[in-house]
């Protein structure tokens, strides 16, 4: 049981620092493109050439919000002697919603244009949607693992 809880806490740590990691990876490179499409929150703060300043600012603000929720969650978690996981579960629920909306939007925005895309683009779109579904599923599992401790299981 401790292993599952540690995995859930590790996932929360990654989700908290992910927006900070994005500022070190440029979106205009190949690995930046793949990392930004396959992981949540990292692309919010990735610098790119030719990006809209308003969109970059909004992405930075959302990234700061994610970092704040994570830091508050870990502060409450440590103050309550590793018992209260309400904010950490909130971070995981936020990630589930974010990944779900991102997967649905990715499909809906591109579904009519699949015929005009080359095979690599279609593959990346499906891989991104699959990655978002996977991230959402693991966050759901992590929420359950953090709730099990609360109920004494």
N, C-alpha and C. Protein backbone atom coordinates (compact mmCIF):
# COMPACT_ATOMS: atom_id res chain seq x y z
N UNK A 1 0.81 -1.19 0.00
CA UNK A 1 0.00 0.00 0.00
C UNK A 1 0.85 1.26 0.00
N UNK A 2 1.99 1.20 0.71
CA UNK A 2 2.86 2.38 0.75
C UNK A 2 3.45 2.68 -0.62
N UNK A 3 3.69 1.63 -1.41
CA UNK A 3 4.25 1.85 -2.74
C UNK A 3 3.27 2.62 -3.62
N UNK A 4 2.00 2.25 -3.59
CA UNK A 4 1.00 2.96 -4.39
C UNK A 4 0.88 4.40 -3.94
N UNK A 5 0.89 4.62 -2.64
CA UNK A 5 0.80 5.99 -2.12
C UNK A 5 2.03 6.79 -2.54
N UNK A 6 3.20 6.19 -2.50
CA UNK A 6 4.42 6.88 -2.92
C UNK A 6 4.40 7.21 -4.41
N UNK A 7 3.84 6.30 -5.20
CA UNK A 7 3.70 6.58 -6.64
C UNK A 7 2.75 7.76 -6.85
N UNK A 8 1.66 7.81 -6.11
CA UNK A 8 0.71 8.92 -6.22
C UNK A 8 1.36 10.24 -5.81
N UNK A 9 2.15 10.23 -4.75
CA UNK A 9 2.84 11.44 -4.30
C UNK A 9 3.88 11.85 -5.34
N UNK A 10 4.58 10.89 -5.91
CA UNK A 10 5.55 11.20 -6.97
C UNK A 10 4.89 11.81 -8.19
N UNK A 11 3.71 11.32 -8.54
CA UNK A 11 2.96 11.90 -9.65
C UNK A 11 2.57 13.34 -9.34
N UNK A 12 2.16 13.59 -8.10
CA UNK A 12 1.82 14.96 -7.70
C UNK A 12 3.04 15.88 -7.74
N UNK A 13 4.19 15.36 -7.36
CA UNK A 13 5.43 16.15 -7.44
C UNK A 13 5.72 16.49 -8.89
N UNK A 14 5.61 15.52 -9.79
CA UNK A 14 5.86 15.79 -11.21
C UNK A 14 4.88 16.82 -11.75
N UNK A 15 3.60 16.68 -11.43
CA UNK A 15 2.60 17.61 -11.94
C UNK A 15 2.81 19.02 -11.39
N UNK A 16 3.36 19.12 -10.18
CA UNK A 16 3.63 20.43 -9.59
C UNK A 16 4.80 21.12 -10.29
N UNK A 17 5.84 20.38 -10.61
CA UNK A 17 7.02 21.03 -11.21
C UNK A 17 6.99 21.03 -12.74
N UNK A 18 6.02 20.37 -13.36
CA UNK A 18 5.96 20.29 -14.81
C UNK A 18 5.93 21.65 -15.50
N UNK A 19 5.13 22.62 -15.03
CA UNK A 19 5.17 23.93 -15.70
C UNK A 19 6.54 24.61 -15.61
N UNK A 20 7.28 24.35 -14.53
CA UNK A 20 8.62 24.92 -14.41
C UNK A 20 9.58 24.26 -15.40
N UNK A 21 9.41 22.97 -15.63
CA UNK A 21 10.27 22.26 -16.57
C UNK A 21 10.07 22.76 -17.99
N UNK A 22 8.84 23.18 -18.31
CA UNK A 22 8.55 23.63 -19.66
C UNK A 22 9.31 24.87 -20.07
N UNK A 23 9.71 25.69 -19.13
CA UNK A 23 10.43 26.91 -19.49
C UNK A 23 11.86 26.63 -19.96
N UNK A 24 12.34 25.42 -19.77
CA UNK A 24 13.69 25.06 -20.21
C UNK A 24 13.72 24.33 -21.55
N UNK A 25 12.55 24.04 -22.12
CA UNK A 25 12.46 23.28 -23.36
C UNK A 25 11.79 24.16 -24.40
N UNK A 26 12.43 24.37 -25.53
CA UNK A 26 11.85 25.19 -26.59
C UNK A 26 10.84 24.38 -27.40
N UNK A 27 9.70 24.98 -27.67
CA UNK A 27 8.63 24.29 -28.39
C UNK A 27 8.94 24.12 -29.86
N UNK A 28 9.89 24.87 -30.39
CA UNK A 28 10.17 24.82 -31.82
C UNK A 28 11.11 23.68 -32.21
N UNK A 29 11.59 22.91 -31.25
CA UNK A 29 12.45 21.78 -31.56
C UNK A 29 11.62 20.50 -31.63
N UNK A 30 12.18 19.45 -32.21
CA UNK A 30 11.46 18.19 -32.34
C UNK A 30 11.14 17.59 -30.99
N UNK A 31 12.13 17.53 -30.10
CA UNK A 31 11.85 16.94 -28.78
C UNK A 31 10.91 17.84 -27.98
N UNK A 32 10.97 19.13 -28.17
CA UNK A 32 10.02 20.03 -27.51
C UNK A 32 8.61 19.81 -28.00
N UNK A 33 8.47 19.57 -29.30
CA UNK A 33 7.15 19.28 -29.87
C UNK A 33 6.58 18.00 -29.28
N UNK A 34 7.40 16.96 -29.18
CA UNK A 34 6.92 15.68 -28.66
C UNK A 34 6.63 15.76 -27.16
N UNK A 35 7.52 16.38 -26.40
CA UNK A 35 7.30 16.50 -24.96
C UNK A 35 6.07 17.34 -24.68
N UNK A 36 5.89 18.41 -25.41
CA UNK A 36 4.73 19.28 -25.21
C UNK A 36 3.42 18.61 -25.54
N UNK A 37 3.42 17.71 -26.51
CA UNK A 37 2.19 17.03 -26.90
C UNK A 37 1.88 15.80 -26.06
N UNK A 38 2.87 15.22 -25.43
CA UNK A 38 2.67 13.95 -24.75
C UNK A 38 2.62 14.05 -23.22
N UNK A 39 2.85 15.22 -22.67
CA UNK A 39 2.81 15.40 -21.22
C UNK A 39 1.91 16.57 -20.86
N UNK A 40 1.23 16.50 -19.72
CA UNK A 40 0.38 17.62 -19.32
C UNK A 40 1.20 18.75 -18.68
N UNK A 41 0.75 19.95 -18.87
CA UNK A 41 1.23 21.17 -18.22
C UNK A 41 2.59 21.66 -18.69
N UNK A 42 3.43 20.83 -19.28
CA UNK A 42 4.75 21.29 -19.67
C UNK A 42 4.65 22.31 -20.80
N UNK A 43 3.74 22.09 -21.73
CA UNK A 43 3.65 22.98 -22.89
C UNK A 43 3.13 24.38 -22.53
N UNK A 44 2.57 24.53 -21.35
CA UNK A 44 2.01 25.83 -20.98
C UNK A 44 3.08 26.91 -20.89
N UNK A 45 4.28 26.56 -20.50
CA UNK A 45 5.34 27.54 -20.31
C UNK A 45 6.50 27.37 -21.28
N UNK A 46 6.32 26.57 -22.32
CA UNK A 46 7.39 26.36 -23.30
C UNK A 46 7.54 27.61 -24.17
N UNK A 47 8.75 28.18 -24.22
CA UNK A 47 8.94 29.34 -25.11
C UNK A 47 8.94 28.90 -26.57
N UNK A 48 8.35 29.72 -27.41
CA UNK A 48 8.34 29.42 -28.84
C UNK A 48 8.48 30.71 -29.62
N UNK A 49 9.08 30.60 -30.79
CA UNK A 49 9.24 31.76 -31.67
C UNK A 49 7.95 31.95 -32.45
N UNK A 50 7.49 33.15 -32.51
CA UNK A 50 6.29 33.45 -33.28
C UNK A 50 5.00 33.13 -32.56
N UNK A 51 5.05 32.87 -31.27
CA UNK A 51 3.84 32.59 -30.51
C UNK A 51 3.12 33.89 -30.16
N UNK A 52 1.84 33.81 -29.98
CA UNK A 52 1.06 34.99 -29.61
C UNK A 52 1.37 35.37 -28.16
N UNK A 53 1.68 36.65 -27.92
CA UNK A 53 2.04 37.05 -26.55
C UNK A 53 0.92 36.82 -25.54
N UNK A 54 -0.33 37.04 -25.95
CA UNK A 54 -1.44 36.83 -25.02
C UNK A 54 -1.55 35.35 -24.64
N UNK A 55 -1.42 34.47 -25.62
CA UNK A 55 -1.49 33.04 -25.34
C UNK A 55 -0.33 32.60 -24.45
N UNK A 56 0.86 33.16 -24.68
CA UNK A 56 2.01 32.84 -23.84
C UNK A 56 1.76 33.30 -22.40
N UNK A 57 1.15 34.48 -22.25
CA UNK A 57 0.85 35.00 -20.91
C UNK A 57 -0.19 34.17 -20.19
N UNK A 58 -1.24 33.78 -20.90
CA UNK A 58 -2.28 32.94 -20.29
C UNK A 58 -1.70 31.58 -19.90
N UNK A 59 -0.86 31.01 -20.76
CA UNK A 59 -0.23 29.73 -20.43
C UNK A 59 0.64 29.85 -19.19
N UNK A 60 1.36 30.96 -19.06
CA UNK A 60 2.17 31.18 -17.87
C UNK A 60 1.32 31.31 -16.61
N UNK A 61 0.19 32.00 -16.72
CA UNK A 61 -0.70 32.16 -15.55
C UNK A 61 -1.32 30.82 -15.14
N UNK A 62 -1.74 30.04 -16.11
CA UNK A 62 -2.30 28.71 -15.79
C UNK A 62 -1.21 27.83 -15.17
N UNK A 63 0.01 27.93 -15.70
CA UNK A 63 1.12 27.19 -15.12
C UNK A 63 1.39 27.59 -13.67
N UNK A 64 1.33 28.89 -13.39
CA UNK A 64 1.50 29.36 -12.01
C UNK A 64 0.38 28.86 -11.10
N UNK A 65 -0.83 28.78 -11.63
CA UNK A 65 -1.95 28.26 -10.85
C UNK A 65 -1.72 26.79 -10.49
N UNK A 66 -1.24 26.01 -11.45
CA UNK A 66 -0.96 24.59 -11.20
C UNK A 66 0.14 24.45 -10.14
N UNK A 67 1.20 25.25 -10.27
CA UNK A 67 2.29 25.22 -9.29
C UNK A 67 1.77 25.59 -7.90
N UNK A 68 0.92 26.62 -7.83
CA UNK A 68 0.38 27.06 -6.55
C UNK A 68 -0.48 25.98 -5.90
N UNK A 69 -1.34 25.32 -6.68
CA UNK A 69 -2.17 24.25 -6.13
C UNK A 69 -1.28 23.12 -5.61
N UNK A 70 -0.24 22.78 -6.34
CA UNK A 70 0.68 21.73 -5.89
C UNK A 70 1.42 22.11 -4.62
N UNK A 71 1.95 23.35 -4.57
CA UNK A 71 2.67 23.78 -3.36
C UNK A 71 1.76 23.86 -2.15
N UNK A 72 0.55 24.37 -2.32
CA UNK A 72 -0.41 24.40 -1.21
C UNK A 72 -0.74 22.98 -0.77
N UNK A 73 -0.93 22.09 -1.74
CA UNK A 73 -1.22 20.69 -1.41
C UNK A 73 -0.12 20.04 -0.60
N UNK A 74 1.14 20.27 -0.99
CA UNK A 74 2.24 19.66 -0.25
C UNK A 74 2.45 20.34 1.10
N UNK A 75 2.16 21.62 1.19
CA UNK A 75 2.25 22.30 2.48
C UNK A 75 1.22 21.75 3.46
N UNK A 76 -0.02 21.63 3.01
CA UNK A 76 -1.07 21.08 3.87
C UNK A 76 -0.74 19.62 4.21
N UNK A 77 -0.21 18.89 3.26
CA UNK A 77 0.13 17.48 3.47
C UNK A 77 1.20 17.33 4.55
N UNK A 78 2.21 18.19 4.53
CA UNK A 78 3.28 18.07 5.54
C UNK A 78 2.86 18.64 6.88
N UNK A 79 2.06 19.70 6.91
CA UNK A 79 1.61 20.28 8.17
C UNK A 79 0.72 19.30 8.93
N UNK A 80 -0.11 18.56 8.20
CA UNK A 80 -1.02 17.61 8.86
C UNK A 80 -0.37 16.25 9.07
N UNK A 81 0.93 16.21 9.04
CA UNK A 81 1.70 14.98 9.27
C UNK A 81 1.32 13.87 8.29
N UNK A 82 1.25 14.25 7.04
CA UNK A 82 1.04 13.32 5.93
C UNK A 82 -0.32 12.62 5.98
N UNK A 83 -1.34 13.33 6.44
CA UNK A 83 -2.69 12.77 6.52
C UNK A 83 -3.66 13.40 5.52
N UNK A 84 -3.65 14.74 5.40
CA UNK A 84 -4.62 15.45 4.58
C UNK A 84 -4.14 15.54 3.14
N UNK A 85 -4.82 14.86 2.25
CA UNK A 85 -4.43 14.86 0.83
C UNK A 85 -5.47 15.57 -0.04
N UNK A 86 -6.28 16.42 0.56
CA UNK A 86 -7.38 17.05 -0.17
C UNK A 86 -6.87 17.89 -1.35
N UNK A 87 -5.85 18.72 -1.13
CA UNK A 87 -5.36 19.57 -2.21
C UNK A 87 -4.58 18.76 -3.26
N UNK A 88 -3.90 17.72 -2.82
CA UNK A 88 -3.20 16.87 -3.79
C UNK A 88 -4.20 16.12 -4.66
N UNK A 89 -5.29 15.66 -4.05
CA UNK A 89 -6.34 15.04 -4.85
C UNK A 89 -6.99 16.06 -5.78
N UNK A 90 -7.09 17.31 -5.32
CA UNK A 90 -7.60 18.38 -6.18
C UNK A 90 -6.71 18.59 -7.39
N UNK A 91 -5.39 18.54 -7.19
CA UNK A 91 -4.46 18.64 -8.31
C UNK A 91 -4.65 17.49 -9.29
N UNK A 92 -4.87 16.31 -8.77
CA UNK A 92 -5.08 15.14 -9.63
C UNK A 92 -6.41 15.24 -10.37
N UNK A 93 -7.47 15.70 -9.69
CA UNK A 93 -8.76 15.90 -10.37
C UNK A 93 -8.65 16.96 -11.45
N UNK A 94 -7.91 18.03 -11.16
CA UNK A 94 -7.68 19.08 -12.17
C UNK A 94 -6.97 18.51 -13.39
N UNK A 95 -6.02 17.63 -13.16
CA UNK A 95 -5.29 17.00 -14.26
C UNK A 95 -6.19 16.07 -15.05
N UNK A 96 -7.07 15.35 -14.37
CA UNK A 96 -8.01 14.47 -15.08
C UNK A 96 -8.90 15.29 -16.00
N UNK A 97 -9.44 16.39 -15.49
CA UNK A 97 -10.29 17.25 -16.33
C UNK A 97 -9.50 17.86 -17.48
N UNK A 98 -8.30 18.33 -17.18
CA UNK A 98 -7.46 18.97 -18.20
C UNK A 98 -7.13 17.98 -19.32
N UNK A 99 -6.70 16.78 -18.95
CA UNK A 99 -6.34 15.78 -19.96
C UNK A 99 -7.57 15.31 -20.74
N UNK A 100 -8.69 15.19 -20.06
CA UNK A 100 -9.92 14.79 -20.76
C UNK A 100 -10.35 15.83 -21.79
N UNK A 101 -10.38 17.09 -21.38
CA UNK A 101 -10.75 18.15 -22.32
C UNK A 101 -9.74 18.27 -23.46
N UNK A 102 -8.46 18.08 -23.14
CA UNK A 102 -7.43 18.17 -24.17
C UNK A 102 -7.56 17.03 -25.19
N UNK A 103 -7.89 15.83 -24.72
CA UNK A 103 -8.08 14.70 -25.63
C UNK A 103 -9.30 14.91 -26.52
N UNK A 104 -10.41 15.35 -25.91
CA UNK A 104 -11.62 15.59 -26.70
C UNK A 104 -11.41 16.70 -27.71
N UNK A 105 -10.80 17.78 -27.27
CA UNK A 105 -10.55 18.91 -28.19
C UNK A 105 -9.59 18.51 -29.30
N UNK A 106 -8.58 17.71 -28.97
CA UNK A 106 -7.64 17.27 -30.00
C UNK A 106 -8.31 16.46 -31.09
N UNK A 107 -9.24 15.62 -30.70
CA UNK A 107 -9.97 14.84 -31.70
C UNK A 107 -10.97 15.70 -32.47
N UNK A 108 -11.74 16.51 -31.76
CA UNK A 108 -12.78 17.29 -32.42
C UNK A 108 -12.21 18.33 -33.39
N UNK A 109 -11.07 18.90 -33.03
CA UNK A 109 -10.49 19.93 -33.90
C UNK A 109 -9.86 19.34 -35.16
N UNK A 110 -9.50 18.08 -35.12
CA UNK A 110 -8.77 17.49 -36.25
C UNK A 110 -9.54 16.40 -36.99
N UNK A 111 -10.68 15.99 -36.51
CA UNK A 111 -11.36 14.82 -37.07
C UNK A 111 -11.76 15.03 -38.54
N UNK A 112 -12.16 16.23 -38.89
CA UNK A 112 -12.58 16.48 -40.27
C UNK A 112 -11.40 16.66 -41.22
N UNK A 113 -10.23 16.90 -40.68
CA UNK A 113 -9.06 17.17 -41.51
C UNK A 113 -8.13 15.98 -41.66
N UNK A 114 -8.49 14.82 -41.10
CA UNK A 114 -7.61 13.66 -41.15
C UNK A 114 -7.25 13.26 -42.59
N UNK A 115 -8.18 13.41 -43.51
CA UNK A 115 -7.91 13.00 -44.89
C UNK A 115 -6.80 13.83 -45.53
N UNK A 116 -6.68 15.10 -45.13
CA UNK A 116 -5.67 15.97 -45.72
C UNK A 116 -4.31 15.89 -45.02
N UNK A 117 -4.24 15.23 -43.86
CA UNK A 117 -2.99 15.11 -43.12
C UNK A 117 -2.17 13.94 -43.65
N UNK A 118 -0.85 14.05 -43.51
CA UNK A 118 0.00 12.90 -43.82
C UNK A 118 -0.05 11.93 -42.64
N UNK A 119 0.50 10.76 -42.84
CA UNK A 119 0.38 9.68 -41.85
C UNK A 119 1.10 10.03 -40.55
N UNK A 120 2.21 10.77 -40.61
CA UNK A 120 2.94 11.14 -39.40
C UNK A 120 2.10 12.07 -38.51
N UNK A 121 1.41 13.00 -39.13
CA UNK A 121 0.58 13.93 -38.36
C UNK A 121 -0.58 13.21 -37.70
N UNK A 122 -1.23 12.32 -38.42
CA UNK A 122 -2.34 11.55 -37.84
C UNK A 122 -1.83 10.69 -36.69
N UNK A 123 -0.65 10.09 -36.85
CA UNK A 123 -0.06 9.27 -35.80
C UNK A 123 0.20 10.10 -34.55
N UNK A 124 0.76 11.31 -34.70
CA UNK A 124 1.06 12.18 -33.56
C UNK A 124 -0.23 12.60 -32.87
N UNK A 125 -1.29 12.88 -33.64
CA UNK A 125 -2.57 13.28 -33.04
C UNK A 125 -3.13 12.14 -32.20
N UNK A 126 -3.15 10.93 -32.75
CA UNK A 126 -3.66 9.79 -31.99
C UNK A 126 -2.77 9.46 -30.80
N UNK A 127 -1.47 9.62 -30.96
CA UNK A 127 -0.56 9.39 -29.85
C UNK A 127 -0.78 10.41 -28.74
N UNK A 128 -1.03 11.65 -29.09
CA UNK A 128 -1.30 12.70 -28.10
C UNK A 128 -2.60 12.42 -27.34
N UNK A 129 -3.64 12.02 -28.08
CA UNK A 129 -4.91 11.70 -27.44
C UNK A 129 -4.75 10.49 -26.52
N UNK A 130 -4.04 9.48 -26.97
CA UNK A 130 -3.79 8.30 -26.14
C UNK A 130 -2.97 8.65 -24.90
N UNK A 131 -1.99 9.53 -25.06
CA UNK A 131 -1.19 9.96 -23.91
C UNK A 131 -2.04 10.71 -22.90
N UNK A 132 -2.94 11.58 -23.37
CA UNK A 132 -3.81 12.30 -22.44
C UNK A 132 -4.76 11.36 -21.71
N UNK A 133 -5.29 10.38 -22.41
CA UNK A 133 -6.16 9.39 -21.76
C UNK A 133 -5.36 8.60 -20.72
N UNK A 134 -4.14 8.24 -21.03
CA UNK A 134 -3.30 7.50 -20.10
C UNK A 134 -2.97 8.33 -18.86
N UNK A 135 -2.59 9.60 -19.06
CA UNK A 135 -2.32 10.47 -17.92
C UNK A 135 -3.56 10.60 -17.04
N UNK A 136 -4.72 10.79 -17.65
CA UNK A 136 -5.96 10.89 -16.89
C UNK A 136 -6.26 9.62 -16.10
N UNK A 137 -6.02 8.46 -16.72
CA UNK A 137 -6.26 7.19 -16.04
C UNK A 137 -5.33 7.02 -14.85
N UNK A 138 -4.04 7.33 -15.01
CA UNK A 138 -3.11 7.19 -13.89
C UNK A 138 -3.41 8.19 -12.78
N UNK A 139 -3.89 9.38 -13.14
CA UNK A 139 -4.29 10.33 -12.10
C UNK A 139 -5.51 9.83 -11.35
N UNK A 140 -6.43 9.18 -12.06
CA UNK A 140 -7.60 8.58 -11.40
C UNK A 140 -7.16 7.49 -10.42
N UNK A 141 -6.23 6.65 -10.85
CA UNK A 141 -5.71 5.62 -9.94
C UNK A 141 -5.04 6.25 -8.72
N UNK A 142 -4.28 7.33 -8.96
CA UNK A 142 -3.58 7.99 -7.86
C UNK A 142 -4.56 8.60 -6.87
N UNK A 143 -5.67 9.14 -7.37
CA UNK A 143 -6.70 9.67 -6.46
C UNK A 143 -7.24 8.54 -5.59
N UNK A 144 -7.50 7.40 -6.17
CA UNK A 144 -7.99 6.26 -5.39
C UNK A 144 -6.96 5.80 -4.37
N UNK A 145 -5.69 5.80 -4.74
CA UNK A 145 -4.65 5.38 -3.81
C UNK A 145 -4.52 6.36 -2.65
N UNK A 146 -4.70 7.65 -2.91
CA UNK A 146 -4.63 8.63 -1.82
C UNK A 146 -5.88 8.58 -0.94
N UNK A 147 -7.03 8.24 -1.51
CA UNK A 147 -8.25 8.12 -0.72
C UNK A 147 -8.26 6.87 0.14
N UNK A 148 -7.60 5.80 -0.29
CA UNK A 148 -7.55 4.56 0.50
C UNK A 148 -6.95 4.81 1.87
N UNK A 149 -5.93 5.63 1.95
CA UNK A 149 -5.28 5.94 3.23
C UNK A 149 -6.26 6.66 4.16
N UNK A 150 -7.10 7.52 3.56
CA UNK A 150 -8.04 8.29 4.35
C UNK A 150 -9.07 7.38 5.02
N UNK A 151 -9.47 6.32 4.35
CA UNK A 151 -10.48 5.42 4.88
C UNK A 151 -9.88 4.29 5.71
N UNK A 152 -8.57 4.27 5.85
CA UNK A 152 -7.92 3.27 6.68
C UNK A 152 -7.77 1.92 6.04
N UNK A 153 -7.82 1.86 4.71
CA UNK A 153 -7.68 0.57 4.02
C UNK A 153 -6.22 0.25 3.87
